Amino acid sequence: MELSALVSELSDAEILAPTNGGDVVVFDVVHNSRAVTPESLFCCVVGAKSDGHNFAEDAVSNGAVALIVERKLDIAVPQVLVGNARVAMAQAAAACNGHPAEAMTLVGVTGTNGKTTTIAMLRQIFIASGRRTEMIGTLTGSRTTPESSDLQRQLAQWRDSGVAAVVMEVSSHAIELHRVDALRFDVAVFTNLSRDHLDWHGSMEEYFSVKARLFGPDHCKQAVVNDDSPYGRLLVDTASVAIDSYALSEVVDLKLTTSGSSFTWRNLPVELSIAGEFNVSNALGAAHAASVLGIDDATIARGLSQPLTIEGRFEAVEAGQPFAVFVDYAHTPDGLEHLLTAAGALVGGDSAEHQGTQGRVVVVFGCGGDRDTTKRPAMGELAAQLADLVIVTSDNSRSEPTNQIIETIVEGYESCRDRRSVELVIEPDRRRAIARALAFGRKGDIVLVAGKGHETTMNIGHVTEDFDDRIVVHEEWQRMVSAS
């Protein structure tokens, strides 16, 4: 695509000066100088830790034939001077790739929790309807939502290979940083909103405001919103697109077990292979998104009932132990509350496998360093209210001292006036913490290892080591068996 034609499509970008240096043909749009290929347009994106302008010479040496800049550089290639390189990059990438999203069904899912599970369930429904479907999210790349240049390139590759639908997670960072600019979703789904990322957004009001941007006519054609969420109801009142809402009250005959759930939806039986009532809510979000896109109810129910395991999302770990162990990504107060509540319902004697028994809920968790500190005491308080044994440990402490993070969690635990008669264990070593939880467990109990989910590494200080909660559960249980 000629640079002049590409620039003409930057309708939302603030172009501050005419393009200098003549016209060239552009075959790709990139933001990483190491990813530049010949005849690329390199976007000088200013980030929190680095400035793309400092890598422009490297990009040109690697084959870039033009630049998008926020300040003119002394480099002899055409430069497009704009007010915000991220805004311009999103539109340039869409144009250069021929606006690939317009050739397929595109669904975006946003919310604090439930995004990963919802897109996985929606993909199952699309596949059941006969559509070749791909997904983008936490489990498919280094970012929940890729940078716009990478995102548009991936969509174009899928379009060219015959993909009919794409379901993707849309993070608040992605909205704020313009990664999904130049996309208009056929459906945008809102799962919920709770305390998270306040180190970035500053307040819940600002956090919601960013999420709500996705639900305007420039970004989506219609919306599906969780009516059980207070912020979902607020969104219904403020959104400027057609909205279909969902709620747990629409399911009947709900039965929950440690291996999944069953219920009736629109007079059709559904069997979920993922446990937890909160995952029933996620299934409803996926079901309504499919429904507004014209997929019939029977196909939706069939798609939801297909076997499905989602890495690190209430994922059962079977190492031969006589009690249930689940690994989950819950790393927010709301996520931990849903996880503990779901486990409490399962050990409370109501499910078929626990009738006549009263199991206990054991939880192992920590909080990440260099992230929102306000959620730490809240998570400690919730654990005190809802668990029978609380083991506080490390979880990607990054540059913060692990003990300092743990102290803040414990403050919340100790401030809980209505805490149960629970035992609190402080074990900074996450492997030993998991081992202690397993040693405590007995038949009928549920052990929850929360916070890291699918992650396979842990960052403590400046050291990143291999650490997968699921593998550690297996290793520690086998060690205990061998020692007995």
Protein backbone atom coordinates (compact mmCIF):
# COMPACT_ATOMS: atom_id res chain seq x y z
CA MET A 1 0.00 0.00 0.00
CA GLU A 2 1.39 3.42 -0.90
CA LEU A 3 2.20 5.54 2.13
CA SER A 4 0.09 8.43 0.88
CA ALA A 5 -2.97 6.16 0.56
CA LEU A 6 -2.34 4.73 3.99
CA VAL A 7 -2.04 8.18 5.55
CA SER A 8 -5.36 9.16 3.99
CA GLU A 9 -7.02 6.47 6.14
CA LEU A 10 -5.73 7.88 9.42
CA SER A 11 -9.00 9.69 10.04
CA ASP A 12 -8.81 9.53 13.84
CA ALA A 13 -5.11 10.31 14.10
CA GLU A 14 -4.01 13.87 14.68
CA ILE A 15 -1.65 14.47 11.76
CA LEU A 16 0.48 17.43 12.77
CA ALA A 17 2.39 18.02 9.54
CA PRO A 18 2.43 16.83 5.93
CA THR A 19 4.41 13.67 5.34
CA ASN A 20 7.96 14.54 4.41
CA GLY A 21 10.36 12.58 2.25
CA GLY A 22 8.15 11.42 -0.63
CA ASP A 23 6.00 8.34 -1.19
CA VAL A 24 6.94 4.70 -0.66
CA VAL A 25 5.14 1.35 -0.73
CA VAL A 26 4.45 -0.19 2.68
CA PHE A 27 3.90 -3.93 3.15
CA ASP A 28 3.67 -4.13 6.94
CA VAL A 29 3.20 -2.00 10.05
CA VAL A 30 5.36 -2.77 13.10
CA HIS A 31 6.21 -1.26 16.48
CA ASN A 32 9.19 -3.43 17.45
CA SER A 33 12.43 -2.59 15.64
CA ARG A 34 13.57 -6.21 15.91
CA ALA A 35 10.45 -7.37 14.06
CA VAL A 36 10.96 -5.04 11.10
CA THR A 37 10.97 -6.64 7.67
CA PRO A 38 11.82 -4.92 4.39
CA GLU A 39 9.36 -2.20 3.35
CA SER A 40 7.79 -1.86 6.78
CA LEU A 41 6.28 1.23 8.36
CA PHE A 42 7.82 1.57 11.83
CA CYS A 43 5.70 3.24 14.53
CA CYS A 44 7.64 5.09 17.21
CA VAL A 45 5.44 4.23 20.17
CA VAL A 46 6.20 5.88 23.49
CA GLY A 47 5.84 3.38 26.33
CA ALA A 48 6.23 3.44 30.09
CA LYS A 49 9.78 2.09 29.96
CA SER A 50 11.01 2.74 26.43
CA ASP A 51 10.55 5.19 23.58
CA GLY A 52 10.27 3.86 20.05
CA HIS A 53 11.91 7.00 18.69
CA ASN A 54 15.17 5.75 20.19
CA PHE A 55 14.98 2.64 18.02
CA ALA A 56 14.02 4.29 14.75
CA GLU A 57 17.53 4.11 13.28
CA ASP A 58 17.67 0.38 14.06
CA ALA A 59 14.30 -0.06 12.38
CA VAL A 60 15.47 1.71 9.24
CA SER A 61 18.64 -0.37 9.21
CA ASN A 62 16.43 -3.47 9.37
CA GLY A 63 14.40 -2.38 6.34
CA ALA A 64 11.78 0.15 7.49
CA VAL A 65 10.97 2.58 4.67
CA ALA A 66 8.88 5.08 6.65
CA LEU A 67 8.14 6.15 10.21
CA ILE A 68 5.17 7.26 12.27
CA VAL A 69 6.57 9.71 14.82
CA GLU A 70 5.45 12.05 17.56
CA ARG A 71 8.51 14.22 16.99
CA LYS A 72 10.55 14.69 13.83
CA LEU A 73 13.75 12.68 13.65
CA ASP A 74 16.96 13.34 11.73
CA ILE A 75 16.57 10.20 9.61
CA ALA A 76 16.31 10.24 5.83
CA VAL A 77 13.03 8.32 5.36
CA PRO A 78 9.44 9.59 5.03
CA GLN A 79 7.95 10.49 8.40
CA VAL A 80 4.31 10.95 9.41
CA LEU A 81 4.12 13.34 12.37
CA VAL A 82 1.12 12.61 14.60
CA GLY A 83 -0.19 13.54 18.02
CA ASN A 84 -0.45 9.93 19.21
CA ALA A 85 1.53 7.15 17.54
CA ARG A 86 -0.66 4.41 19.04
CA VAL A 87 -3.82 5.85 17.51
CA ALA A 88 -2.13 6.20 14.13
CA MET A 89 -0.58 2.73 14.35
CA ALA A 90 -3.94 1.04 14.90
CA GLN A 91 -5.49 2.68 11.86
CA ALA A 92 -2.40 2.21 9.72
CA ALA A 93 -2.21 -1.50 10.60
CA ALA A 94 -5.88 -2.02 9.78
CA ALA A 95 -5.53 -0.24 6.45
CA CYS A 96 -2.28 -1.98 5.46
CA ASN A 97 -3.86 -5.38 6.17
CA GLY A 98 -7.07 -4.57 4.29
CA HIS A 99 -9.32 -4.23 7.36
CA PRO A 100 -9.41 -8.00 8.01
CA ALA A 101 -12.02 -7.88 10.79
CA GLU A 102 -14.64 -6.82 8.29
CA ALA A 103 -14.36 -10.21 6.58
CA MET A 104 -15.19 -12.29 9.67
CA THR A 105 -17.39 -12.35 12.75
CA LEU A 106 -15.56 -10.62 15.61
CA VAL A 107 -16.57 -10.85 19.27
CA GLY A 108 -14.77 -8.99 22.04
CA VAL A 109 -15.12 -9.93 25.72
CA THR A 110 -14.15 -7.52 28.48
CA GLY A 111 -14.45 -7.52 32.27
CA THR A 112 -12.25 -8.10 35.29
CA ASN A 113 -12.90 -11.84 35.49
CA GLY A 114 -14.28 -14.50 33.18
CA LYS A 115 -12.89 -13.29 29.86
CA THR A 116 -10.73 -16.34 29.15
CA THR A 117 -13.45 -18.83 29.99
CA THR A 118 -16.13 -16.94 28.08
CA ILE A 119 -14.15 -16.81 24.83
CA ALA A 120 -13.28 -20.52 25.12
CA MET A 121 -16.94 -21.41 25.55
CA LEU A 122 -17.97 -19.12 22.72
CA ARG A 123 -15.39 -20.74 20.45
CA GLN A 124 -16.94 -24.13 21.23
CA ILE A 125 -20.35 -22.80 20.23
CA PHE A 126 -19.06 -21.34 16.96
CA ILE A 127 -17.34 -24.63 16.14
CA ALA A 128 -20.59 -26.48 16.87
CA SER A 129 -22.30 -24.16 14.37
CA GLY A 130 -19.79 -25.17 11.70
CA ARG A 131 -17.65 -22.03 11.74
CA ARG A 132 -13.87 -22.21 11.77
CA THR A 133 -12.98 -20.09 14.79
CA GLU A 134 -9.84 -18.76 16.45
CA MET A 135 -9.37 -16.96 19.75
CA ILE A 136 -7.06 -14.34 21.22
CA GLY A 137 -6.46 -13.88 24.92
CA THR A 138 -4.43 -14.57 28.03
CA LEU A 139 -3.69 -18.15 26.99
CA THR A 140 -2.63 -17.40 23.42
CA GLY A 141 0.09 -14.77 23.74
CA SER A 142 2.26 -12.64 25.99
CA ARG A 143 -0.46 -9.98 26.20
CA THR A 144 -4.16 -10.50 26.84
CA THR A 145 -4.81 -8.24 23.84
CA PRO A 146 -1.90 -7.81 21.39
CA GLU A 147 -0.62 -4.47 20.18
CA SER A 148 -2.65 -3.24 17.22
CA SER A 149 0.06 -3.94 14.64
CA ASP A 150 0.37 -7.58 15.76
CA LEU A 151 -3.38 -7.93 16.15
CA GLN A 152 -4.28 -6.71 12.67
CA ARG A 153 -1.55 -8.85 11.10
CA GLN A 154 -2.86 -11.95 12.88
CA LEU A 155 -6.45 -11.22 11.85
CA ALA A 156 -5.31 -10.83 8.25
CA GLN A 157 -3.50 -14.17 8.32
CA TRP A 158 -6.59 -15.88 9.67
CA ARG A 159 -8.83 -14.18 7.13
CA ASP A 160 -6.59 -15.35 4.31
CA SER A 161 -6.65 -18.94 5.64
CA GLY A 162 -10.46 -19.07 5.79
CA VAL A 163 -11.22 -18.36 9.44
CA ALA A 164 -14.87 -17.33 9.80
CA ALA A 165 -14.95 -16.03 13.38
CA VAL A 166 -12.58 -14.68 16.02
CA VAL A 167 -13.36 -14.36 19.71
CA MET A 168 -10.98 -12.27 21.78
CA GLU A 169 -10.36 -10.86 25.22
CA VAL A 170 -10.24 -7.08 25.40
CA SER A 171 -8.36 -5.78 28.43
CA SER A 172 -8.75 -2.30 29.88
CA HIS A 173 -5.11 -1.65 29.02
CA ALA A 174 -5.87 -2.52 25.40
CA ILE A 175 -8.72 -0.02 25.28
CA GLU A 176 -6.71 2.70 26.98
CA LEU A 177 -3.67 2.09 24.74
CA HIS A 178 -5.72 2.02 21.51
CA ARG A 179 -4.90 -1.60 20.63
CA VAL A 180 -8.47 -2.26 19.47
CA ASP A 181 -8.93 1.05 17.68
CA ALA A 182 -9.98 0.51 14.04
CA LEU A 183 -11.96 -2.58 15.06
CA ARG A 184 -15.75 -2.69 15.29
CA PHE A 185 -16.91 -5.81 17.08
CA ASP A 186 -20.05 -7.57 15.91
CA VAL A 187 -20.73 -8.16 19.61
CA ALA A 188 -19.00 -6.85 22.72
CA VAL A 189 -19.54 -8.81 25.95
CA PHE A 190 -19.25 -7.40 29.48
CA THR A 191 -18.72 -10.03 32.20
CA ASN A 192 -18.21 -8.02 35.41
CA LEU A 193 -16.05 -5.37 37.03
CA SER A 194 -14.26 -5.51 40.37
CA ARG A 195 -11.16 -4.12 42.03
CA ASP A 196 -8.08 -4.59 39.87
CA HIS A 197 -5.52 -2.52 37.96
CA LEU A 198 -6.09 0.51 40.20
CA ASP A 199 -2.35 1.11 40.07
CA TRP A 200 -3.02 1.94 36.40
CA HIS A 201 -6.52 3.44 36.40
CA GLY A 202 -6.46 5.16 39.79
CA SER A 203 -10.12 4.58 40.69
CA MET A 204 -13.01 2.22 39.99
CA GLU A 205 -14.81 5.08 38.26
CA GLU A 206 -11.98 5.51 35.78
CA TYR A 207 -11.62 1.74 35.38
CA PHE A 208 -15.31 1.46 34.46
CA SER A 209 -15.09 4.48 32.18
CA VAL A 210 -12.34 2.83 30.16
CA LYS A 211 -14.26 -0.45 29.88
CA ALA A 212 -17.43 1.42 28.86
CA ARG A 213 -15.67 2.89 25.81
CA LEU A 214 -15.90 -0.50 24.14
CA PHE A 215 -19.70 -0.26 24.19
CA GLY A 216 -20.11 2.72 21.89
CA PRO A 217 -21.21 2.53 18.26
CA ASP A 218 -17.66 3.17 17.01
CA HIS A 219 -16.40 -0.01 18.70
CA CYS A 220 -19.31 -2.46 18.57
CA LYS A 221 -22.57 -3.09 16.76
CA GLN A 222 -24.36 -4.60 19.76
CA ALA A 223 -23.61 -5.65 23.32
CA VAL A 224 -24.21 -8.51 25.74
CA VAL A 225 -24.04 -7.51 29.41
CA ASN A 226 -24.09 -9.38 32.71
CA ASP A 227 -27.13 -8.08 34.57
CA ASP A 228 -25.95 -9.71 37.82
CA SER A 229 -23.07 -7.22 37.93
CA PRO A 230 -23.80 -3.74 39.36
CA TYR A 231 -21.46 -2.27 36.75
CA GLY A 232 -23.26 -4.31 34.11
CA ARG A 233 -26.54 -2.69 35.10
CA LEU A 234 -24.86 0.70 35.01
CA LEU A 235 -23.60 -0.09 31.53
CA VAL A 236 -27.12 -0.99 30.41
CA ASP A 237 -28.21 2.48 31.51
CA THR A 238 -25.39 4.30 29.74
CA ALA A 239 -24.44 2.34 26.61
CA SER A 240 -25.45 3.75 23.23
CA VAL A 241 -25.83 0.43 21.39
CA ALA A 242 -28.46 -2.31 21.49
CA ILE A 243 -27.99 -4.48 24.59
CA ASP A 244 -29.00 -8.04 25.44
CA SER A 245 -28.48 -8.88 29.13
CA TYR A 246 -28.09 -12.20 30.93
CA ALA A 247 -28.41 -13.37 34.53
CA LEU A 248 -28.12 -16.58 36.53
CA SER A 249 -31.85 -16.42 37.23
CA GLU A 250 -32.57 -17.67 33.72
CA VAL A 251 -31.18 -21.15 34.44
CA VAL A 252 -33.22 -23.81 36.23
CA ASP A 253 -32.43 -27.19 37.78
CA LEU A 254 -28.83 -26.13 38.45
CA LYS A 255 -26.66 -28.91 39.86
CA LEU A 256 -23.03 -28.29 40.82
CA THR A 257 -20.27 -30.88 41.26
CA THR A 258 -16.48 -30.78 41.38
CA SER A 259 -16.42 -32.03 37.79
CA GLY A 260 -18.83 -29.49 36.29
CA SER A 261 -22.47 -28.49 36.38
CA SER A 262 -25.77 -29.19 34.71
CA PHE A 263 -28.77 -26.94 34.19
CA THR A 264 -31.63 -26.14 31.86
CA TRP A 265 -31.45 -23.05 29.66
CA ARG A 266 -34.29 -22.07 27.36
CA ASN A 267 -35.81 -25.52 27.91
CA LEU A 268 -32.60 -27.24 26.78
CA PRO A 269 -30.23 -29.33 28.91
CA VAL A 270 -26.66 -28.07 29.26
CA GLU A 271 -23.75 -30.01 30.77
CA LEU A 272 -20.68 -27.93 31.57
CA SER A 273 -17.41 -29.76 32.13
CA ILE A 274 -16.01 -26.80 34.13
CA ALA A 275 -17.02 -26.50 37.78
CA GLY A 276 -18.29 -23.45 39.65
CA GLU A 277 -21.42 -21.34 39.56
CA PHE A 278 -19.41 -18.40 38.23
CA ASN A 279 -18.64 -20.49 35.16
CA VAL A 280 -22.37 -20.92 34.60
CA SER A 281 -22.49 -17.13 34.36
CA ASN A 282 -19.62 -17.19 31.87
CA ALA A 283 -21.51 -19.78 29.83
CA LEU A 284 -24.56 -17.52 29.73
CA GLY A 285 -22.45 -14.66 28.42
CA ALA A 286 -21.16 -16.89 25.64
CA ALA A 287 -24.67 -18.22 24.95
CA HIS A 288 -26.21 -14.77 24.61
CA ALA A 289 -23.40 -13.54 22.37
CA ALA A 290 -23.99 -16.49 20.06
CA SER A 291 -27.73 -15.99 20.19
CA VAL A 292 -27.67 -12.35 19.10
CA LEU A 293 -25.47 -13.45 16.21
CA GLY A 294 -28.20 -15.81 15.02
CA ILE A 295 -26.99 -19.18 16.28
CA ASP A 296 -29.93 -21.35 17.33
CA ASP A 297 -30.45 -22.37 20.96
CA ALA A 298 -29.95 -26.10 20.33
CA THR A 299 -26.54 -25.51 18.75
CA ILE A 300 -25.58 -23.23 21.64
CA ALA A 301 -26.53 -25.86 24.21
CA ARG A 302 -24.63 -28.52 22.26
CA GLY A 303 -21.54 -26.32 22.02
CA LEU A 304 -21.54 -25.52 25.73
CA SER A 305 -21.88 -29.21 26.56
CA GLN A 306 -18.75 -30.23 24.68
CA PRO A 307 -15.83 -31.32 26.92
CA LEU A 308 -13.68 -28.31 27.72
CA THR A 309 -10.67 -27.72 29.94
CA ILE A 310 -9.29 -24.22 30.29
CA GLU A 311 -5.76 -23.92 31.60
CA GLY A 312 -5.67 -22.52 35.10
CA ARG A 313 -9.40 -21.74 35.29
CA PHE A 314 -10.84 -23.88 38.09
CA GLU A 315 -8.67 -26.60 36.59
CA ALA A 316 -8.82 -29.91 38.43
CA VAL A 317 -5.49 -31.55 39.23
CA GLU A 318 -5.59 -35.32 39.66
CA ALA A 319 -2.42 -36.63 41.26
CA GLY A 320 -4.04 -39.58 43.03
CA GLN A 321 -5.06 -37.62 46.13
CA PRO A 322 -8.39 -38.53 47.83
CA PHE A 323 -9.66 -34.95 47.77
CA ALA A 324 -10.20 -32.34 45.05
CA VAL A 325 -7.48 -29.90 44.06
CA PHE A 326 -8.12 -26.96 41.76
CA VAL A 327 -5.67 -24.47 40.29
CA ASP A 328 -7.16 -21.11 39.39
CA TYR A 329 -5.97 -17.74 38.10
CA ALA A 330 -8.06 -15.83 40.70
CA HIS A 331 -5.88 -12.84 41.59
CA THR A 332 -8.49 -10.21 42.46
CA PRO A 333 -10.84 -9.95 45.46
CA ASP A 334 -13.85 -10.71 43.27
CA GLY A 335 -12.12 -13.64 41.60
CA LEU A 336 -11.04 -15.10 44.93
CA GLU A 337 -14.51 -14.61 46.40
CA HIS A 338 -16.16 -16.45 43.51
CA LEU A 339 -13.60 -19.25 43.76
CA LEU A 340 -14.03 -19.71 47.51
CA THR A 341 -17.80 -19.44 47.31
CA ALA A 342 -17.93 -22.08 44.57
CA ALA A 343 -15.72 -24.41 46.60
CA GLY A 344 -17.78 -23.79 49.72
CA ALA A 345 -20.96 -24.77 47.92
CA LEU A 346 -19.34 -28.00 46.74
CA VAL A 347 -18.09 -29.10 50.17
CA GLY A 348 -21.24 -28.00 51.96
CA GLY A 349 -23.04 -31.28 51.48
CA ASP A 350 -25.42 -30.24 48.67
CA SER A 351 -23.63 -31.86 45.76
CA ALA A 352 -24.09 -35.56 45.08
CA GLU A 353 -20.49 -36.44 45.84
CA HIS A 354 -20.54 -34.64 49.19
CA GLN A 355 -23.99 -35.53 50.53
CA GLY A 356 -23.80 -36.40 54.18
CA THR A 357 -20.32 -34.92 54.57
CA GLN A 358 -18.91 -31.55 55.53
CA GLY A 359 -15.62 -30.97 53.79
CA ARG A 360 -13.25 -28.08 54.27
CA VAL A 361 -11.93 -25.42 51.92
CA VAL A 362 -8.16 -24.92 51.95
CA VAL A 363 -6.73 -22.01 49.97
CA VAL A 364 -3.15 -21.17 49.04
CA PHE A 365 -2.62 -17.70 47.56
CA GLY A 366 -0.47 -14.59 47.47
CA CYS A 367 -0.49 -11.30 45.58
CA GLY A 368 1.72 -10.03 42.79
CA GLY A 369 4.30 -7.35 43.44
CA ASP A 370 4.48 -4.02 41.60
CA ARG A 371 0.72 -4.16 41.07
CA ASP A 372 -2.41 -2.76 42.71
CA THR A 373 -1.70 -2.87 46.46
CA THR A 374 -5.25 -2.03 47.56
CA LYS A 375 -6.61 -5.48 46.74
CA ARG A 376 -4.23 -7.32 49.09
CA PRO A 377 -6.00 -6.74 52.43
CA ALA A 378 -9.37 -7.29 50.74
CA MET A 379 -8.22 -10.73 49.58
CA GLY A 380 -6.97 -11.56 53.07
CA GLU A 381 -10.33 -10.61 54.55
CA LEU A 382 -12.24 -12.72 52.03
CA ALA A 383 -10.06 -15.74 52.74
CA ALA A 384 -10.76 -15.33 56.45
CA GLN A 385 -14.50 -15.25 55.79
CA LEU A 386 -14.78 -18.09 53.30
CA ALA A 387 -11.97 -20.65 53.85
CA ASP A 388 -11.22 -23.18 56.57
CA LEU A 389 -7.45 -23.04 56.21
CA VAL A 390 -5.64 -20.05 54.72
CA ILE A 391 -2.04 -20.38 53.57
CA VAL A 392 -0.54 -17.06 52.46
CA THR A 393 2.50 -17.34 50.24
CA SER A 394 4.40 -15.74 47.37
CA ASP A 395 3.07 -14.97 43.90
CA ASN A 396 5.30 -13.13 41.42
CA SER A 397 6.64 -10.70 44.01
CA ARG A 398 8.74 -9.03 41.34
CA SER A 399 10.73 -6.16 42.88
CA GLU A 400 8.76 -6.03 46.15
CA PRO A 401 9.81 -8.02 49.22
CA THR A 402 7.59 -11.08 49.52
CA ASN A 403 7.21 -10.69 53.29
CA GLN A 404 6.00 -7.11 52.83
CA ILE A 405 3.24 -8.28 50.46
CA ILE A 406 2.28 -11.08 52.84
CA GLU A 407 2.05 -8.66 55.77
CA THR A 408 -0.51 -6.56 53.91
CA ILE A 409 -2.61 -9.63 53.09
CA VAL A 410 -2.48 -10.74 56.72
CA GLU A 411 -3.62 -7.29 57.87
CA GLY A 412 -6.84 -7.86 55.96
CA TYR A 413 -7.20 -11.34 57.41
CA GLU A 414 -6.77 -10.08 60.97
CA SER A 415 -9.16 -7.15 60.45
CA CYS A 416 -12.01 -9.50 59.52
CA ARG A 417 -14.46 -9.35 62.41
CA ASP A 418 -16.61 -12.23 61.20
CA ARG A 419 -13.84 -14.61 60.25
CA ARG A 420 -14.45 -18.29 60.76
CA SER A 421 -12.46 -20.48 63.11
CA VAL A 422 -9.76 -20.85 60.50
CA GLU A 423 -6.09 -21.52 60.79
CA LEU A 424 -3.71 -19.06 59.19
CA VAL A 425 -0.38 -20.31 57.90
CA ILE A 426 2.29 -18.00 56.55
CA GLU A 427 4.70 -19.80 54.22
CA PRO A 428 6.61 -17.53 51.81
CA ASP A 429 7.94 -20.50 49.80
CA ARG A 430 5.12 -21.33 47.37
CA ARG A 431 6.20 -24.95 46.86
CA ARG A 432 6.24 -25.59 50.62
CA ALA A 433 2.91 -23.79 50.93
CA ILE A 434 1.33 -26.12 48.38
CA ALA A 435 2.84 -29.13 50.15
CA ARG A 436 1.36 -28.01 53.47
CA ALA A 437 -2.08 -27.64 51.88
CA LEU A 438 -1.87 -31.16 50.44
CA ALA A 439 -0.74 -32.56 53.79
CA PHE A 440 -3.77 -30.96 55.43
CA GLY A 441 -6.30 -32.26 52.90
CA ARG A 442 -8.57 -35.21 53.54
CA LYS A 443 -11.45 -36.91 51.73
CA GLY A 444 -14.27 -34.45 51.08
CA ASP A 445 -12.02 -31.36 51.19
CA ILE A 446 -11.23 -28.97 48.35
CA VAL A 447 -7.75 -27.49 48.08
CA LEU A 448 -7.50 -24.32 46.00
CA VAL A 449 -4.18 -23.04 44.67
CA ALA A 450 -4.99 -19.53 43.50
CA GLY A 451 -3.35 -16.64 41.72
CA LYS A 452 -1.10 -18.05 39.00
CA GLY A 453 -3.39 -20.40 37.12
CA HIS A 454 -1.88 -21.24 33.75
CA GLU A 455 1.43 -19.49 34.40
CA THR A 456 4.55 -21.62 34.14
CA THR A 457 7.08 -19.25 35.71
CA MET A 458 7.38 -17.17 38.88
CA ASN A 459 9.26 -13.91 39.28
CA ILE A 460 10.87 -13.22 42.66
CA GLY A 461 13.21 -10.23 42.75
CA HIS A 462 15.15 -10.24 39.50
CA VAL A 463 14.97 -14.01 39.11
CA THR A 464 12.40 -15.80 36.96
CA GLU A 465 12.17 -19.51 37.62
CA ASP A 466 10.06 -22.33 36.22
CA PHE A 467 7.00 -22.79 38.41
CA ASP A 468 3.71 -24.36 37.39
CA ASP A 469 1.23 -24.87 40.25
CA ARG A 470 -0.23 -27.93 38.52
CA ILE A 471 3.14 -29.63 38.18
CA VAL A 472 4.10 -28.73 41.74
CA VAL A 473 0.89 -30.34 43.06
CA HIS A 474 1.80 -33.57 41.26
CA GLU A 475 5.42 -33.47 42.45
CA GLU A 476 4.60 -32.70 46.07
CA TRP A 477 1.86 -35.32 46.29
CA GLN A 478 4.16 -37.99 44.85
CA ARG A 479 6.88 -36.94 47.30
CA MET A 480 4.41 -37.32 50.18
CA VAL A 481 3.31 -40.76 48.92
CA SER A 482 6.92 -41.92 48.53
CA ALA A 483 7.76 -40.73 52.04
CA SER A 484 4.78 -42.47 53.66
